[in-house]
Amino acid sequence: MTGEQPPAPTRHVVVMGVSGAGKTTVARGISAGTGLTFAEADEFHSPANVARMRAGEPLDDAARMPWLRDLAGWMAARAAEGVSTVLACSALRRSYRDLLRQGAPGVEFVHLDGSAEVIRDRMALRAGHYMPASLLESQLATLEQPDPDESVLVLDVSLTPDELVDAAVWKLGLPRVAH
């Protein structure tokens, strides 16, 4: 017995949905309000994946799997450090979410879901993102709605970003940090 305390349990939230749903904005808001460490899954893509998406070519599973394993590894490493996280990641298929769940214990998902029209309008307003609006249709086709056994919190993208953040923090029971 060394007298060391086991690390405190960590929380790991993945804000998921198609491109343009508001994942990054909501995940950053959750991070700011709770102190969870934020990561943008897009920043983990290989240069080859980014080039494919810039060219309007959807990624296939062979291109996505190493990326998803890296994301799961990032969450596992943070959990080992005793650090809670929030990750903005599309996580469109059940198999992708299952792989992410292997990263850290108790990964929780917040699915930003809504009409293609609302999402398309949002995509038209953003600048500087490599994911072209033309790939929205392929993302919608790829999206597998979460199954009831996945325990995914589904929020409507027609809410404002602040409302989405507040709903996620409250419904997941995340602790707020004092500002």
Protein backbone atom coordinates (compact mmCIF):
# COMPACT_ATOMS: atom_id res chain seq x y z
CA MET A 1 0.00 0.00 0.00
CA THR A 2 1.62 3.21 -1.15
CA GLY A 3 -1.00 5.59 0.23
CA GLU A 4 -1.67 7.11 -3.21
CA GLN A 5 -5.24 8.11 -3.94
CA PRO A 6 -6.80 6.66 -7.08
CA PRO A 7 -7.44 9.34 -9.69
CA ALA A 8 -10.82 11.02 -9.47
CA PRO A 9 -13.36 9.71 -11.97
CA THR A 10 -13.36 11.67 -15.18
CA ARG A 11 -16.14 12.67 -17.55
CA HIS A 12 -15.83 12.44 -21.33
CA VAL A 13 -18.42 14.06 -23.58
CA VAL A 14 -18.52 13.79 -27.37
CA VAL A 15 -20.64 16.44 -29.08
CA MET A 16 -21.68 14.74 -32.32
CA GLY A 17 -23.60 15.46 -35.49
CA VAL A 18 -23.13 16.26 -39.14
CA SER A 19 -20.90 19.07 -40.33
CA GLY A 20 -22.51 22.44 -39.66
CA ALA A 21 -24.64 21.25 -36.71
CA GLY A 22 -22.64 23.38 -34.26
CA LYS A 23 -20.47 20.72 -32.61
CA THR A 24 -17.41 22.92 -32.12
CA THR A 25 -19.37 25.90 -30.82
CA VAL A 26 -21.32 23.76 -28.34
CA ALA A 27 -18.28 21.73 -27.23
CA ARG A 28 -16.28 24.94 -26.65
CA GLY A 29 -19.21 26.32 -24.65
CA ILE A 30 -19.36 23.17 -22.52
CA SER A 31 -15.61 23.43 -21.96
CA ALA A 32 -15.85 27.09 -20.95
CA GLY A 33 -18.71 26.44 -18.54
CA THR A 34 -17.39 23.27 -16.93
CA GLY A 35 -13.62 23.29 -17.26
CA LEU A 36 -13.57 20.08 -19.32
CA THR A 37 -10.59 20.00 -21.68
CA PHE A 38 -11.73 20.71 -25.25
CA ALA A 39 -10.51 19.05 -28.44
CA GLU A 40 -11.65 19.44 -32.04
CA ALA A 41 -11.65 16.05 -33.78
CA ASP A 42 -11.01 17.72 -37.15
CA GLU A 43 -7.54 18.67 -35.89
CA PHE A 44 -6.68 14.96 -35.54
CA HIS A 45 -7.28 14.21 -39.25
CA SER A 46 -4.29 13.31 -41.38
CA PRO A 47 -3.28 15.76 -44.12
CA ALA A 48 -4.51 13.18 -46.67
CA ASN A 49 -7.99 13.12 -45.07
CA VAL A 50 -8.15 16.92 -45.01
CA ALA A 51 -7.12 17.05 -48.69
CA ARG A 52 -9.85 14.54 -49.60
CA MET A 53 -12.52 16.54 -47.79
CA ARG A 54 -11.31 19.85 -49.26
CA ALA A 55 -11.70 18.25 -52.68
CA GLY A 56 -15.31 17.37 -51.82
CA GLU A 57 -14.58 13.64 -51.48
CA PRO A 58 -16.24 11.94 -48.49
CA LEU A 59 -14.05 9.81 -46.26
CA ASP A 60 -14.57 6.06 -46.21
CA ASP A 61 -14.23 3.84 -43.15
CA ALA A 62 -10.63 2.93 -44.00
CA ALA A 63 -9.72 6.64 -43.78
CA ARG A 64 -11.79 7.21 -40.64
CA MET A 65 -10.67 4.28 -38.45
CA PRO A 66 -7.09 5.47 -37.65
CA TRP A 67 -8.55 8.92 -36.89
CA LEU A 68 -11.17 7.46 -34.53
CA ARG A 69 -8.54 5.31 -32.80
CA ASP A 70 -6.43 8.45 -32.27
CA LEU A 71 -9.42 10.23 -30.73
CA ALA A 72 -10.18 7.29 -28.42
CA GLY A 73 -6.49 7.23 -27.44
CA TRP A 74 -6.56 10.95 -26.68
CA MET A 75 -9.54 10.48 -24.34
CA ALA A 76 -7.89 7.46 -22.70
CA ALA A 77 -4.68 9.43 -22.11
CA ARG A 78 -6.61 12.32 -20.55
CA ALA A 79 -8.57 9.87 -18.35
CA ALA A 80 -5.28 8.36 -17.16
CA GLU A 81 -4.18 11.89 -16.20
CA GLY A 82 -7.44 12.47 -14.30
CA VAL A 83 -8.59 15.07 -16.86
CA SER A 84 -12.20 15.27 -18.09
CA THR A 85 -12.78 16.11 -21.76
CA VAL A 86 -15.25 17.38 -24.30
CA LEU A 87 -14.68 16.47 -27.94
CA ALA A 88 -16.36 17.89 -31.04
CA CYS A 89 -16.62 14.90 -33.39
CA SER A 90 -19.11 13.86 -36.08
CA ALA A 91 -19.36 10.23 -34.78
CA LEU A 92 -21.92 9.52 -37.51
CA ARG A 93 -22.13 5.72 -37.30
CA ARG A 94 -22.77 3.40 -34.37
CA SER A 95 -19.47 1.63 -35.06
CA TYR A 96 -17.63 4.98 -34.79
CA ARG A 97 -19.33 5.77 -31.48
CA ASP A 98 -18.52 2.27 -30.22
CA LEU A 99 -14.85 2.78 -31.08
CA LEU A 100 -14.83 6.14 -29.27
CA ARG A 101 -16.42 4.47 -26.23
CA GLN A 102 -13.32 2.26 -25.98
CA GLY A 103 -11.18 5.32 -25.20
CA ALA A 104 -12.24 6.26 -21.70
CA PRO A 105 -14.75 4.82 -19.27
CA GLY A 106 -18.27 6.19 -19.59
CA VAL A 107 -18.00 8.29 -22.76
CA GLU A 108 -21.24 10.29 -23.11
CA PHE A 109 -22.66 11.63 -26.37
CA VAL A 110 -24.64 14.77 -27.15
CA HIS A 111 -26.18 14.54 -30.63
CA LEU A 112 -26.96 17.88 -32.26
CA ASP A 113 -29.76 16.88 -34.58
CA GLY A 114 -32.13 18.80 -36.79
CA SER A 115 -33.32 19.58 -40.26
CA ALA A 116 -30.95 19.66 -43.20
CA GLU A 117 -32.26 23.13 -44.05
CA VAL A 118 -31.19 24.63 -40.70
CA ILE A 119 -27.77 22.97 -40.95
CA ARG A 120 -27.30 24.01 -44.60
CA ASP A 121 -28.11 27.63 -43.63
CA ARG A 122 -25.49 27.51 -40.86
CA MET A 123 -22.87 26.06 -43.17
CA ALA A 124 -23.45 28.92 -45.62
CA LEU A 125 -22.61 31.43 -42.88
CA ARG A 126 -19.31 29.99 -41.72
CA ALA A 127 -15.96 30.88 -43.22
CA GLY A 128 -12.60 29.16 -43.28
CA HIS A 129 -13.73 25.56 -42.81
CA TYR A 130 -12.36 22.91 -45.14
CA MET A 131 -15.57 20.85 -45.15
CA PRO A 132 -17.60 22.08 -48.13
CA ALA A 133 -21.37 22.32 -47.82
CA SER A 134 -21.57 19.86 -50.72
CA LEU A 135 -20.55 17.06 -48.34
CA LEU A 136 -23.57 17.63 -46.08
CA GLU A 137 -25.68 15.21 -48.13
CA SER A 138 -23.07 12.44 -47.78
CA GLN A 139 -22.89 13.08 -44.04
CA LEU A 140 -26.68 12.92 -43.70
CA ALA A 141 -26.65 9.65 -45.67
CA THR A 142 -23.90 8.25 -43.41
CA LEU A 143 -25.55 9.33 -40.15
CA GLU A 144 -26.97 6.45 -38.13
CA GLN A 145 -29.37 7.81 -35.54
CA PRO A 146 -28.34 6.61 -32.08
CA ASP A 147 -30.07 3.47 -30.86
CA PRO A 148 -31.99 3.58 -27.56
CA ASP A 149 -29.35 1.40 -25.85
CA GLU A 150 -26.68 4.02 -26.60
CA SER A 151 -28.02 6.54 -24.06
CA VAL A 152 -27.30 9.56 -26.26
CA LEU A 153 -28.63 12.99 -25.34
CA VAL A 154 -30.32 14.39 -28.47
CA LEU A 155 -30.67 18.18 -28.75
CA ASP A 156 -32.41 20.16 -31.50
CA VAL A 157 -30.05 22.34 -33.56
CA SER A 158 -32.75 24.97 -33.90
CA LEU A 159 -31.91 26.05 -30.32
CA THR A 160 -29.33 28.81 -29.92
CA PRO A 161 -25.76 27.76 -29.12
CA ASP A 162 -26.16 29.05 -25.54
CA GLU A 163 -29.38 27.06 -25.11
CA LEU A 164 -27.65 23.93 -26.45
CA VAL A 165 -24.72 24.37 -24.06
CA ASP A 166 -27.01 24.97 -21.08
CA ALA A 167 -29.18 21.95 -21.96
CA ALA A 168 -26.15 19.67 -22.36
CA VAL A 169 -24.53 20.77 -19.10
CA TRP A 170 -27.77 20.52 -17.15
CA LYS A 171 -29.03 17.21 -18.62
CA LEU A 172 -25.63 15.53 -18.26
CA GLY A 173 -25.24 16.87 -14.71
CA LEU A 174 -21.86 18.41 -15.44
CA PRO A 175 -20.40 20.64 -12.73
CA ARG A 176 -20.16 24.32 -13.63
CA VAL A 177 -16.99 26.28 -12.92
CA ALA A 178 -17.15 29.67 -11.24
CA HIS A 179 -16.11 32.61 -13.39
